[in-house]
Amino acid sequence: MENKISSSNRSIMWTARIISLIMIALTLFFAIAEGITEQKPYAAPTPVINIVAGVLMLGGLALAWKWELYGSLISLVGFVGVLIVNPSVITAPAMYLFAVPAILFLGYWWLNRTKR
């Protein structure tokens, strides 16, 4: 029996994919631009943990294209990690855009899960 995906679920999936692709592309663009410039880099309280959390956040978004549940959970763990390590980003509304596609991927998985 085929697992048919409704059009509303498909729109959730593509919205999450488009937002995640934009967030990954912008983050990589700004990371490369920051590496090229000679300016003093942003000093996080614990830069290694902040970088690991950021990689989890972006890597989770990339993984969510194939495995919605695992990718979204990894991305949300990275997002929470960034908020814990660097609490000053809580006031930046653009930071919450990283959580939006992860939540959409999680919602898409929830709507499409099947009992086997």
PDB file of N, CA and C in Angstrom:
ATOM      1  N   MET A   1       0.835  -1.182   0.000  1.00  0.00           N
ATOM      2  CA  MET A   1       0.000   0.000   0.000  1.00  0.00           C
ATOM      3  C   MET A   1       0.880   1.246   0.000  1.00  0.00           C
ATOM      4  N   GLU A   2       0.566   2.168  -0.840  1.00  0.00           N
ATOM      5  CA  GLU A   2       1.360   3.383  -0.963  1.00  0.00           C
ATOM      6  C   GLU A   2       1.049   4.353   0.168  1.00  0.00           C
ATOM      7  N   ASN A   3       2.055   5.057   0.585  1.00  0.00           N
ATOM      8  CA  ASN A   3       1.898   6.088   1.599  1.00  0.00           C
ATOM      9  C   ASN A   3       1.740   7.424   0.879  1.00  0.00           C
ATOM     10  N   LYS A   4       0.510   7.877   0.750  1.00  0.00           N
ATOM     11  CA  LYS A   4       0.254   9.126   0.036  1.00  0.00           C
ATOM     12  C   LYS A   4       0.373  10.300   0.996  1.00  0.00           C
ATOM     13  N   ILE A   5       1.021  11.348   0.508  1.00  0.00           N
ATOM     14  CA  ILE A   5       1.228  12.551   1.307  1.00  0.00           C
ATOM     15  C   ILE A   5       0.240  13.603   0.840  1.00  0.00           C
ATOM     16  N   SER A   6      -0.505  14.171   1.792  1.00  0.00           N
ATOM     17  CA  SER A   6      -1.486  15.186   1.421  1.00  0.00           C
ATOM     18  C   SER A   6      -0.777  16.462   0.982  1.00  0.00           C
ATOM     19  N   SER A   7      -1.503  17.303   0.283  1.00  0.00           N
ATOM     20  CA  SER A   7      -0.903  18.541  -0.244  1.00  0.00           C
ATOM     21  C   SER A   7      -0.516  19.499   0.883  1.00  0.00           C
ATOM     22  N   SER A   8      -1.258  19.508   1.987  1.00  0.00           N
ATOM     23  CA  SER A   8      -0.890  20.391   3.099  1.00  0.00           C
ATOM     24  C   SER A   8       0.396  19.898   3.761  1.00  0.00           C
ATOM     25  N   ASN A   9       0.551  18.574   3.877  1.00  0.00           N
ATOM     26  CA  ASN A   9       1.787  18.041   4.435  1.00  0.00           C
ATOM     27  C   ASN A   9       2.964  18.309   3.504  1.00  0.00           C
ATOM     28  N   ARG A  10       2.727  18.202   2.218  1.00  0.00           N
ATOM     29  CA  ARG A  10       3.774  18.468   1.240  1.00  0.00           C
ATOM     30  C   ARG A  10       4.197  19.938   1.307  1.00  0.00           C
ATOM     31  N   SER A  11       3.250  20.840   1.514  1.00  0.00           N
ATOM     32  CA  SER A  11       3.604  22.263   1.613  1.00  0.00           C
ATOM     33  C   SER A  11       4.401  22.538   2.890  1.00  0.00           C
ATOM     34  N   ILE A  12       4.093  21.838   3.976  1.00  0.00           N
ATOM     35  CA  ILE A  12       4.883  21.976   5.202  1.00  0.00           C
ATOM     36  C   ILE A  12       6.313  21.529   4.943  1.00  0.00           C
ATOM     37  N   MET A  13       6.447  20.384   4.262  1.00  0.00           N
ATOM     38  CA  MET A  13       7.775  19.849   3.972  1.00  0.00           C
ATOM     39  C   MET A  13       8.584  20.830   3.124  1.00  0.00           C
ATOM     40  N   TRP A  14       8.007  21.365   2.059  1.00  0.00           N
ATOM     41  CA  TRP A  14       8.748  22.261   1.182  1.00  0.00           C
ATOM     42  C   TRP A  14       9.024  23.608   1.836  1.00  0.00           C
ATOM     43  N   THR A  15       8.123  24.079   2.678  1.00  0.00           N
ATOM     44  CA  THR A  15       8.393  25.315   3.417  1.00  0.00           C
ATOM     45  C   THR A  15       9.582  25.117   4.340  1.00  0.00           C
ATOM     46  N   ALA A  16       9.610  24.001   5.048  1.00  0.00           N
ATOM     47  CA  ALA A  16      10.739  23.707   5.935  1.00  0.00           C
ATOM     48  C   ALA A  16      12.026  23.567   5.147  1.00  0.00           C
ATOM     49  N   ARG A  17      11.979  22.908   3.996  1.00  0.00           N
ATOM     50  CA  ARG A  17      13.177  22.729   3.185  1.00  0.00           C
ATOM     51  C   ARG A  17      13.705  24.054   2.648  1.00  0.00           C
ATOM     52  N   ILE A  18      12.820  24.910   2.189  1.00  0.00           N
ATOM     53  CA  ILE A  18      13.249  26.204   1.639  1.00  0.00           C
ATOM     54  C   ILE A  18      13.843  27.084   2.726  1.00  0.00           C
ATOM     55  N   ILE A  19      13.179  27.155   3.876  1.00  0.00           N
ATOM     56  CA  ILE A  19      13.704  27.977   4.971  1.00  0.00           C
ATOM     57  C   ILE A  19      15.047  27.433   5.445  1.00  0.00           C
ATOM     58  N   SER A  20      15.158  26.106   5.574  1.00  0.00           N
ATOM     59  CA  SER A  20      16.428  25.539   6.035  1.00  0.00           C
ATOM     60  C   SER A  20      17.544  25.783   5.026  1.00  0.00           C
ATOM     61  N   LEU A  21      17.239  25.687   3.757  1.00  0.00           N
ATOM     62  CA  LEU A  21      18.250  25.943   2.734  1.00  0.00           C
ATOM     63  C   LEU A  21      18.720  27.396   2.778  1.00  0.00           C
ATOM     64  N   ILE A  22      17.789  28.317   2.962  1.00  0.00           N
ATOM     65  CA  ILE A  22      18.152  29.730   3.075  1.00  0.00           C
ATOM     66  C   ILE A  22      19.013  29.976   4.308  1.00  0.00           C
ATOM     67  N   MET A  23      18.636  29.368   5.439  1.00  0.00           N
ATOM     68  CA  MET A  23      19.392  29.565   6.676  1.00  0.00           C
ATOM     69  C   MET A  23      20.800  28.975   6.564  1.00  0.00           C
ATOM     70  N   ILE A  24      20.922  27.797   5.964  1.00  0.00           N
ATOM     71  CA  ILE A  24      22.243  27.185   5.791  1.00  0.00           C
ATOM     72  C   ILE A  24      23.098  28.029   4.853  1.00  0.00           C
ATOM     73  N   ALA A  25      22.528  28.468   3.743  1.00  0.00           N
ATOM     74  CA  ALA A  25      23.279  29.264   2.768  1.00  0.00           C
ATOM     75  C   ALA A  25      23.733  30.590   3.367  1.00  0.00           C
ATOM     76  N   LEU A  26      22.848  31.279   4.069  1.00  0.00           N
ATOM     77  CA  LEU A  26      23.224  32.560   4.675  1.00  0.00           C
ATOM     78  C   LEU A  26      24.294  32.383   5.745  1.00  0.00           C
ATOM     79  N   THR A  27      24.166  31.339   6.541  1.00  0.00           N
ATOM     80  CA  THR A  27      25.151  31.109   7.588  1.00  0.00           C
ATOM     81  C   THR A  27      26.522  30.807   6.988  1.00  0.00           C
ATOM     82  N   LEU A  28      26.546  29.969   5.962  1.00  0.00           N
ATOM     83  CA  LEU A  28      27.826  29.674   5.317  1.00  0.00           C
ATOM     84  C   LEU A  28      28.407  30.914   4.642  1.00  0.00           C
ATOM     85  N   PHE A  29      27.552  31.715   4.017  1.00  0.00           N
ATOM     86  CA  PHE A  29      28.010  32.946   3.381  1.00  0.00           C
ATOM     87  C   PHE A  29      28.656  33.874   4.406  1.00  0.00           C
ATOM     88  N   PHE A  30      27.983  34.093   5.525  1.00  0.00           N
ATOM     89  CA  PHE A  30      28.523  34.999   6.531  1.00  0.00           C
ATOM     90  C   PHE A  30      29.741  34.410   7.232  1.00  0.00           C
ATOM     91  N   ALA A  31      29.791  33.097   7.402  1.00  0.00           N
ATOM     92  CA  ALA A  31      30.969  32.469   8.014  1.00  0.00           C
ATOM     93  C   ALA A  31      32.180  32.620   7.110  1.00  0.00           C
ATOM     94  N   ILE A  32      31.995  32.430   5.808  1.00  0.00           N
ATOM     95  CA  ILE A  32      33.100  32.600   4.868  1.00  0.00           C
ATOM     96  C   ILE A  32      33.521  34.062   4.814  1.00  0.00           C
ATOM     97  N   ALA A  33      32.553  34.968   4.781  1.00  0.00           N
ATOM     98  CA  ALA A  33      32.875  36.400   4.746  1.00  0.00           C
ATOM     99  C   ALA A  33      33.605  36.819   6.014  1.00  0.00           C
ATOM    100  N   GLU A  34      33.235  36.270   7.146  1.00  0.00           N
ATOM    101  CA  GLU A  34      33.903  36.593   8.402  1.00  0.00           C
ATOM    102  C   GLU A  34      35.329  36.064   8.400  1.00  0.00           C
ATOM    103  N   GLY A  35      35.530  34.902   7.795  1.00  0.00           N
ATOM    104  CA  GLY A  35      36.873  34.331   7.734  1.00  0.00           C
ATOM    105  C   GLY A  35      37.797  35.087   6.806  1.00  0.00           C
ATOM    106  N   ILE A  36      37.250  35.734   5.783  1.00  0.00           N
ATOM    107  CA  ILE A  36      38.066  36.467   4.813  1.00  0.00           C
ATOM    108  C   ILE A  36      38.513  37.811   5.371  1.00  0.00           C
ATOM    109  N   THR A  37      37.657  38.465   6.128  1.00  0.00           N
ATOM    110  CA  THR A  37      37.981  39.804   6.631  1.00  0.00           C
ATOM    111  C   THR A  37      39.042  39.727   7.719  1.00  0.00           C
ATOM    112  N   GLU A  38      39.688  40.830   7.957  1.00  0.00           N
ATOM    113  CA  GLU A  38      40.747  40.915   8.958  1.00  0.00           C
ATOM    114  C   GLU A  38      40.236  41.458  10.286  1.00  0.00           C
ATOM    115  N   GLN A  39      38.927  41.541  10.447  1.00  0.00           N
ATOM    116  CA  GLN A  39      38.365  42.100  11.664  1.00  0.00           C
ATOM    117  C   GLN A  39      38.506  41.120  12.816  1.00  0.00           C
ATOM    118  N   LYS A  40      38.338  41.653  14.015  1.00  0.00           N
ATOM    119  CA  LYS A  40      38.371  40.800  15.203  1.00  0.00           C
ATOM    120  C   LYS A  40      37.107  39.945  15.195  1.00  0.00           C
ATOM    121  N   PRO A  41      37.242  38.627  15.269  1.00  0.00           N
ATOM    122  CA  PRO A  41      36.062  37.768  15.225  1.00  0.00           C
ATOM    123  C   PRO A  41      35.213  37.916  16.482  1.00  0.00           C
ATOM    124  N   TYR A  42      33.974  37.557  16.342  1.00  0.00           N
ATOM    125  CA  TYR A  42      33.031  37.598  17.464  1.00  0.00           C
ATOM    126  C   TYR A  42      33.534  36.674  18.560  1.00  0.00           C
ATOM    127  N   ALA A  43      33.591  37.166  19.758  1.00  0.00           N
ATOM    128  CA  ALA A  43      34.114  36.375  20.871  1.00  0.00           C
ATOM    129  C   ALA A  43      32.965  35.850  21.710  1.00  0.00           C
ATOM    130  N   ALA A  44      32.674  34.598  21.542  1.00  0.00           N
ATOM    131  CA  ALA A  44      31.652  33.960  22.363  1.00  0.00           C
ATOM    132  C   ALA A  44      32.278  33.574  23.697  1.00  0.00           C
ATOM    133  N   PRO A  45      31.461  33.389  24.719  1.00  0.00           N
ATOM    134  CA  PRO A  45      32.010  33.007  26.020  1.00  0.00           C
ATOM    135  C   PRO A  45      32.819  31.705  25.951  1.00  0.00           C
ATOM    136  N   THR A  46      32.326  30.745  25.247  1.00  0.00           N
ATOM    137  CA  THR A  46      33.051  29.490  25.044  1.00  0.00           C
ATOM    138  C   THR A  46      32.961  29.154  23.564  1.00  0.00           C
ATOM    139  N   PRO A  47      33.929  29.606  22.777  1.00  0.00           N
ATOM    140  CA  PRO A  47      33.809  29.500  21.323  1.00  0.00           C
ATOM    141  C   PRO A  47      33.709  28.064  20.803  1.00  0.00           C
ATOM    142  N   VAL A  48      34.398  27.121  21.408  1.00  0.00           N
ATOM    143  CA  VAL A  48      34.351  25.752  20.888  1.00  0.00           C
ATOM    144  C   VAL A  48      32.952  25.158  21.052  1.00  0.00           C
ATOM    145  N   ILE A  49      32.368  25.333  22.207  1.00  0.00           N
ATOM    146  CA  ILE A  49      31.019  24.800  22.443  1.00  0.00           C
ATOM    147  C   ILE A  49      30.007  25.523  21.554  1.00  0.00           C
ATOM    148  N   ASN A  50      30.193  26.810  21.365  1.00  0.00           N
ATOM    149  CA  ASN A  50      29.306  27.584  20.503  1.00  0.00           C
ATOM    150  C   ASN A  50      29.397  27.098  19.054  1.00  0.00           C
ATOM    151  N   ILE A  51      30.600  26.789  18.592  1.00  0.00           N
ATOM    152  CA  ILE A  51      30.783  26.287  17.232  1.00  0.00           C
ATOM    153  C   ILE A  51      30.153  24.903  17.089  1.00  0.00           C
ATOM    154  N   VAL A  52      30.356  24.053  18.079  1.00  0.00           N
ATOM    155  CA  VAL A  52      29.770  22.706  18.037  1.00  0.00           C
ATOM    156  C   VAL A  52      28.245  22.794  18.010  1.00  0.00           C
ATOM    157  N   ALA A  53      27.683  23.671  18.830  1.00  0.00           N
ATOM    158  CA  ALA A  53      26.226  23.839  18.838  1.00  0.00           C
ATOM    159  C   ALA A  53      25.731  24.385  17.504  1.00  0.00           C
ATOM    160  N   GLY A  54      26.463  25.299  16.913  1.00  0.00           N
ATOM    161  CA  GLY A  54      26.083  25.826  15.604  1.00  0.00           C
ATOM    162  C   GLY A  54      26.151  24.781  14.510  1.00  0.00           C
ATOM    163  N   VAL A  55      27.183  23.942  14.564  1.00  0.00           N
ATOM    164  CA  VAL A  55      27.297  22.855  13.587  1.00  0.00           C
ATOM    165  C   VAL A  55      26.154  21.858  13.775  1.00  0.00           C
ATOM    166  N   LEU A  56      25.804  21.555  15.016  1.00  0.00           N
ATOM    167  CA  LEU A  56      24.653  20.678  15.270  1.00  0.00           C
ATOM    168  C   LEU A  56      23.375  21.282  14.703  1.00  0.00           C
ATOM    169  N   MET A  57      23.218  22.580  14.897  1.00  0.00           N
ATOM    170  CA  MET A  57      22.018  23.255  14.427  1.00  0.00           C
ATOM    171  C   MET A  57      21.918  23.192  12.901  1.00  0.00           C
ATOM    172  N   LEU A  58      22.992  23.528  12.206  1.00  0.00           N
ATOM    173  CA  LEU A  58      22.976  23.515  10.742  1.00  0.00           C
ATOM    174  C   LEU A  58      23.010  22.092  10.186  1.00  0.00           C
ATOM    175  N   GLY A  59      23.789  21.225  10.809  1.00  0.00           N
ATOM    176  CA  GLY A  59      23.842  19.835  10.366  1.00  0.00           C
ATOM    177  C   GLY A  59      22.506  19.140  10.533  1.00  0.00           C
ATOM    178  N   GLY A  60      21.807  19.463  11.612  1.00  0.00           N
ATOM    179  CA  GLY A  60      20.475  18.905  11.816  1.00  0.00           C
ATOM    180  C   GLY A  60      19.499  19.339  10.741  1.00  0.00           C
ATOM    181  N   LEU A  61      19.600  20.597  10.332  1.00  0.00           N
ATOM    182  CA  LEU A  61      18.725  21.075   9.256  1.00  0.00           C
ATOM    183  C   LEU A  61      19.020  20.351   7.949  1.00  0.00           C
ATOM    184  N   ALA A  62      20.298  20.087   7.692  1.00  0.00           N
ATOM    185  CA  ALA A  62      20.661  19.360   6.471  1.00  0.00           C
ATOM    186  C   ALA A  62      20.189  17.902   6.555  1.00  0.00           C
ATOM    187  N   LEU A  63      20.352  17.279   7.710  1.00  0.00           N
ATOM    188  CA  LEU A  63      19.902  15.891   7.882  1.00  0.00           C
ATOM    189  C   LEU A  63      18.385  15.756   7.802  1.00  0.00           C
ATOM    190  N   ALA A  64      17.693  16.795   8.182  1.00  0.00           N
ATOM    191  CA  ALA A  64      16.225  16.744   8.194  1.00  0.00           C
ATOM    192  C   ALA A  64      15.639  16.612   6.797  1.00  0.00           C
ATOM    193  N   TRP A  65      16.407  16.905   5.772  1.00  0.00           N
ATOM    194  CA  TRP A  65      15.906  16.715   4.406  1.00  0.00           C
ATOM    195  C   TRP A  65      15.651  15.236   4.151  1.00  0.00           C
ATOM    196  N   LYS A  66      16.448  14.355   4.754  1.00  0.00           N
ATOM    197  CA  LYS A  66      16.296  12.914   4.543  1.00  0.00           C
ATOM    198  C   LYS A  66      15.557  12.268   5.723  1.00  0.00           C
ATOM    199  N   TRP A  67      15.971  12.578   6.930  1.00  0.00           N
ATOM    200  CA  TRP A  67      15.388  12.005   8.140  1.00  0.00           C
ATOM    201  C   TRP A  67      14.827  13.140   8.984  1.00  0.00           C
ATOM    202  N   GLU A  68      13.535  13.387   8.835  1.00  0.00           N
ATOM    203  CA  GLU A  68      12.907  14.548   9.466  1.00  0.00           C
ATOM    204  C   GLU A  68      13.030  14.531  10.986  1.00  0.00           C
ATOM    205  N   LEU A  69      12.750  13.393  11.604  1.00  0.00           N
ATOM    206  CA  LEU A  69      12.755  13.321  13.067  1.00  0.00           C
ATOM    207  C   LEU A  69      14.154  13.566  13.623  1.00  0.00           C
ATOM    208  N   TYR A  70      15.132  12.790  13.157  1.00  0.00           N
ATOM    209  CA  TYR A  70      16.476  12.892  13.706  1.00  0.00           C
ATOM    210  C   TYR A  70      17.112  14.244  13.405  1.00  0.00           C
ATOM    211  N   GLY A  71      16.945  14.720  12.193  1.00  0.00           N
ATOM    212  CA  GLY A  71      17.521  16.010  11.835  1.00  0.00           C
ATOM    213  C   GLY A  71      16.930  17.155  12.630  1.00  0.00           C
ATOM    214  N   SER A  72      15.609  17.145  12.796  1.00  0.00           N
ATOM    215  CA  SER A  72      14.980  18.240  13.541  1.00  0.00           C
ATOM    216  C   SER A  72      15.373  18.203  15.010  1.00  0.00           C
ATOM    217  N   LEU A  73      15.469  17.012  15.583  1.00  0.00           N
ATOM    218  CA  LEU A  73      15.877  16.926  16.994  1.00  0.00           C
ATOM    219  C   LEU A  73      17.326  17.380  17.182  1.00  0.00           C
ATOM    220  N   ILE A  74      18.211  16.980  16.277  1.00  0.00           N
ATOM    221  CA  ILE A  74      19.608  17.427  16.359  1.00  0.00           C
ATOM    222  C   ILE A  74      19.685  18.941  16.216  1.00  0.00           C
ATOM    223  N   SER A  75      18.919  19.491  15.290  1.00  0.00           N
ATOM    224  CA  SER A  75      18.919  20.935  15.090  1.00  0.00           C
ATOM    225  C   SER A  75      18.391  21.673  16.317  1.00  0.00           C
ATOM    226  N   LEU A  76      17.341  21.155  16.920  1.00  0.00           N
ATOM    227  CA  LEU A  76      16.792  21.804  18.120  1.00  0.00           C
ATOM    228  C   LEU A  76      17.745  21.694  19.304  1.00  0.00           C
ATOM    229  N   VAL A  77      18.462  20.579  19.421  1.00  0.00           N
ATOM    230  CA  VAL A  77      19.472  20.451  20.481  1.00  0.00           C
ATOM    231  C   VAL A  77      20.573  21.485  20.269  1.00  0.00           C
ATOM    232  N   GLY A  78      21.017  21.654  19.028  1.00  0.00           N
ATOM    233  CA  GLY A  78      22.020  22.675  18.729  1.00  0.00           C
ATOM    234  C   GLY A  78      21.509  24.078  19.013  1.00  0.00           C
ATOM    235  N   PHE A  79      20.245  24.326  18.677  1.00  0.00           N
ATOM    236  CA  PHE A  79      19.645  25.638  18.932  1.00  0.00           C
ATOM    237  C   PHE A  79      19.610  25.938  20.429  1.00  0.00           C
ATOM    238  N   VAL A  80      19.170  24.972  21.211  1.00  0.00           N
ATOM    239  CA  VAL A  80      19.137  25.156  22.668  1.00  0.00           C
ATOM    240  C   VAL A  80      20.555  25.312  23.209  1.00  0.00           C
ATOM    241  N   GLY A  81      21.498  24.566  22.642  1.00  0.00           N
ATOM    242  CA  GLY A  81      22.893  24.698  23.062  1.00  0.00           C
ATOM    243  C   GLY A  81      23.441  26.093  22.822  1.00  0.00           C
ATOM    244  N   VAL A  82      23.124  26.662  21.673  1.00  0.00           N
ATOM    245  CA  VAL A  82      23.565  28.035  21.381  1.00  0.00           C
ATOM    246  C   VAL A  82      22.944  29.007  22.378  1.00  0.00           C
ATOM    247  N   LEU A  83      21.678  28.825  22.686  1.00  0.00           N
ATOM    248  CA  LEU A  83      21.010  29.723  23.639  1.00  0.00           C
ATOM    249  C   LEU A  83      21.586  29.589  25.048  1.00  0.00           C
ATOM    250  N   ILE A  84      21.974  28.376  25.429  1.00  0.00           N
ATOM    251  CA  ILE A  84      22.542  28.174  26.770  1.00  0.00           C
ATOM    252  C   ILE A  84      23.953  28.753  26.853  1.00  0.00           C
ATOM    253  N   VAL A  85      24.765  28.486  25.836  1.00  0.00           N
ATOM    254  CA  VAL A  85      26.156  28.938  25.851  1.00  0.00           C
ATOM    255  C   VAL A  85      26.252  30.453  25.703  1.00  0.00           C
ATOM    256  N   ASN A  86      25.407  31.021  24.883  1.00  0.00           N
ATOM    257  CA  ASN A  86      25.474  32.459  24.602  1.00  0.00           C
ATOM    258  C   ASN A  86      24.094  33.078  24.814  1.00  0.00           C
ATOM    259  N   PRO A  87      23.721  33.373  26.055  1.00  0.00           N
ATOM    260  CA  PRO A  87      22.375  33.868  26.345  1.00  0.00           C
ATOM    261  C   PRO A  87      22.049  35.224  25.718  1.00  0.00           C
ATOM    262  N   SER A  88      23.039  35.955  25.260  1.00  0.00           N
ATOM    263  CA  SER A  88      22.761  37.261  24.663  1.00  0.00           C
ATOM    264  C   SER A  88      22.034  37.143  23.328  1.00  0.00           C
ATOM    265  N   VAL A  89      22.080  35.975  22.673  1.00  0.00           N
ATOM    266  CA  VAL A  89      21.386  35.815  21.394  1.00  0.00           C
ATOM    267  C   VAL A  89      19.886  35.599  21.576  1.00  0.00           C
ATOM    268  N   ILE A  90      19.447  35.454  22.809  1.00  0.00           N
ATOM    269  CA  ILE A  90      18.009  35.296  23.067  1.00  0.00           C
ATOM    270  C   ILE A  90      17.255  36.543  22.607  1.00  0.00           C
ATOM    271  N   THR A  91      17.898  37.698  22.675  1.00  0.00           N
ATOM    272  CA  THR A  91      17.236  38.944  22.286  1.00  0.00           C
ATOM    273  C   THR A  91      17.260  39.184  20.785  1.00  0.00           C
ATOM    274  N   ALA A  92      17.971  38.349  20.027  1.00  0.00           N
ATOM    275  CA  ALA A  92      18.042  38.506  18.567  1.00  0.00           C
ATOM    276  C   ALA A  92      16.930  37.699  17.906  1.00  0.00           C
ATOM    277  N   PRO A  93      15.907  38.368  17.378  1.00  0.00           N
ATOM    278  CA  PRO A  93      14.788  37.636  16.790  1.00  0.00           C
ATOM    279  C   PRO A  93      15.181  36.792  15.581  1.00  0.00           C
ATOM    280  N   ALA A  94      16.208  37.192  14.856  1.00  0.00           N
ATOM    281  CA  ALA A  94      16.646  36.421  13.688  1.00  0.00           C
ATOM    282  C   ALA A  94      17.178  35.058  14.098  1.00  0.00           C
ATOM    283  N   MET A  95      17.658  34.935  15.311  1.00  0.00           N
ATOM    284  CA  MET A  95      18.182  33.650  15.789  1.00  0.00           C
ATOM    285  C   MET A  95      17.086  32.590  15.831  1.00  0.00           C
ATOM    286  N   TYR A  96      15.871  33.005  16.101  1.00  0.00           N
ATOM    287  CA  TYR A  96      14.762  32.045  16.197  1.00  0.00           C
ATOM    288  C   TYR A  96      14.365  31.479  14.834  1.00  0.00           C
ATOM    289  N   LEU A  97      14.858  32.094  13.756  1.00  0.00           N
ATOM    290  CA  LEU A  97      14.588  31.544  12.426  1.00  0.00           C
ATOM    291  C   LEU A  97      15.233  30.171  12.234  1.00  0.00           C
ATOM    292  N   PHE A  98      16.259  29.861  13.016  1.00  0.00           N
ATOM    293  CA  PHE A  98      16.876  28.546  12.931  1.00  0.00           C
ATOM    294  C   PHE A  98      15.964  27.463  13.508  1.00  0.00           C
ATOM    295  N   ALA A  99      15.123  27.823  14.451  1.00  0.00           N
ATOM    296  CA  ALA A  99      14.232  26.836  15.063  1.00  0.00           C
ATOM    297  C   ALA A  99      12.991  26.576  14.206  1.00  0.00           C
ATOM    298  N   VAL A 100      12.605  27.534  13.385  1.00  0.00           N
ATOM    299  CA  VAL A 100      11.378  27.394  12.589  1.00  0.00           C
ATOM    300  C   VAL A 100      11.410  26.187  11.656  1.00  0.00           C
ATOM    301  N   PRO A 101      12.441  26.008  10.817  1.00  0.00           N
ATOM    302  CA  PRO A 101      12.412  24.831   9.945  1.00  0.00           C
ATOM    303  C   PRO A 101      12.509  23.528  10.721  1.00  0.00           C
ATOM    304  N   ALA A 102      13.233  23.517  11.843  1.00  0.00           N
ATOM    305  CA  ALA A 102      13.323  22.296  12.645  1.00  0.00           C
ATOM    306  C   ALA A 102      11.951  21.914  13.194  1.00  0.00           C
ATOM    307  N   ILE A 103      11.200  22.900  13.643  1.00  0.00           N
ATOM    308  CA  ILE A 103       9.851  22.629  14.156  1.00  0.00           C
ATOM    309  C   ILE A 103       8.929  22.196  13.023  1.00  0.00           C
ATOM    310  N   LEU A 104       9.082  22.806  11.849  1.00  0.00           N
ATOM    311  CA  LEU A 104       8.270  22.388  10.704  1.00  0.00           C
ATOM    312  C   LEU A 104       8.598  20.956  10.271  1.00  0.00           C
ATOM    313  N   PHE A 105       9.880  20.599  10.250  1.00  0.00           N
ATOM    314  CA  PHE A 105      10.255  19.226   9.925  1.00  0.00           C
ATOM    315  C   PHE A 105       9.694  18.249  10.954  1.00  0.00           C
ATOM    316  N   LEU A 106       9.737  18.635  12.209  1.00  0.00           N
ATOM    317  CA  LEU A 106       9.184  17.787  13.268  1.00  0.00           C
ATOM    318  C   LEU A 106       7.681  17.627  13.100  1.00  0.00           C
ATOM    319  N   GLY A 107       6.985  18.712  12.764  1.00  0.00           N
ATOM    320  CA  GLY A 107       5.544  18.641  12.507  1.00  0.00           C
ATOM    321  C   GLY A 107       5.223  17.793  11.290  1.00  0.00           C
ATOM    322  N   TYR A 108       6.043  17.894  10.254  1.00  0.00           N
ATOM    323  CA  TYR A 108       5.847  17.077   9.060  1.00  0.00           C
ATOM    324  C   TYR A 108       6.006  15.601   9.389  1.00  0.00           C
ATOM    325  N   TRP A 109       7.042  15.277  10.170  1.00  0.00           N
ATOM    326  CA  TRP A 109       7.241  13.886  10.580  1.00  0.00           C
ATOM    327  C   TRP A 109       6.032  13.399  11.391  1.00  0.00           C
ATOM    328  N   TRP A 110       5.563  14.233  12.307  1.00  0.00           N
ATOM    329  CA  TRP A 110       4.446  13.846  13.164  1.00  0.00           C
ATOM    330  C   TRP A 110       3.191  13.554  12.329  1.00  0.00           C
ATOM    331  N   LEU A 111       2.925  14.379  11.345  1.00  0.00           N
ATOM    332  CA  LEU A 111       1.733  14.190  10.523  1.00  0.00           C
ATOM    333  C   LEU A 111       1.833  12.982   9.595  1.00  0.00           C
ATOM    334  N   ASN A 112       3.045  12.575   9.242  1.00  0.00           N
ATOM    335  CA  ASN A 112       3.220  11.490   8.298  1.00  0.00           C
ATOM    336  C   ASN A 112       3.665  10.164   8.908  1.00  0.00           C
ATOM    337  N   ARG A 113       3.764  10.104  10.209  1.00  0.00           N
ATOM    338  CA  ARG A 113       4.198   8.834  10.795  1.00  0.00           C
ATOM    339  C   ARG A 113       3.112   7.789  10.589  1.00  0.00           C
ATOM    340  N   THR A 114       3.546   6.587  10.383  1.00  0.00           N
ATOM    341  CA  THR A 114       2.617   5.480  10.146  1.00  0.00           C
ATOM    342  C   THR A 114       2.938   4.345  11.096  1.00  0.00           C
ATOM    343  N   LYS A 115       1.918   3.583  11.411  1.00  0.00           N
ATOM    344  CA  LYS A 115       2.123   2.403  12.262  1.00  0.00           C
ATOM    345  C   LYS A 115       2.437   1.225  11.355  1.00  0.00           C
ATOM    346  N   ARG A 116       3.449   0.473  11.727  1.00  0.00           N
ATOM    347  CA  ARG A 116       3.847  -0.670  10.914  1.00  0.00           C
ATOM    348  C   ARG A 116       3.471  -1.953  11.583  1.00  0.00           C
TER     349      ARG A 116
END
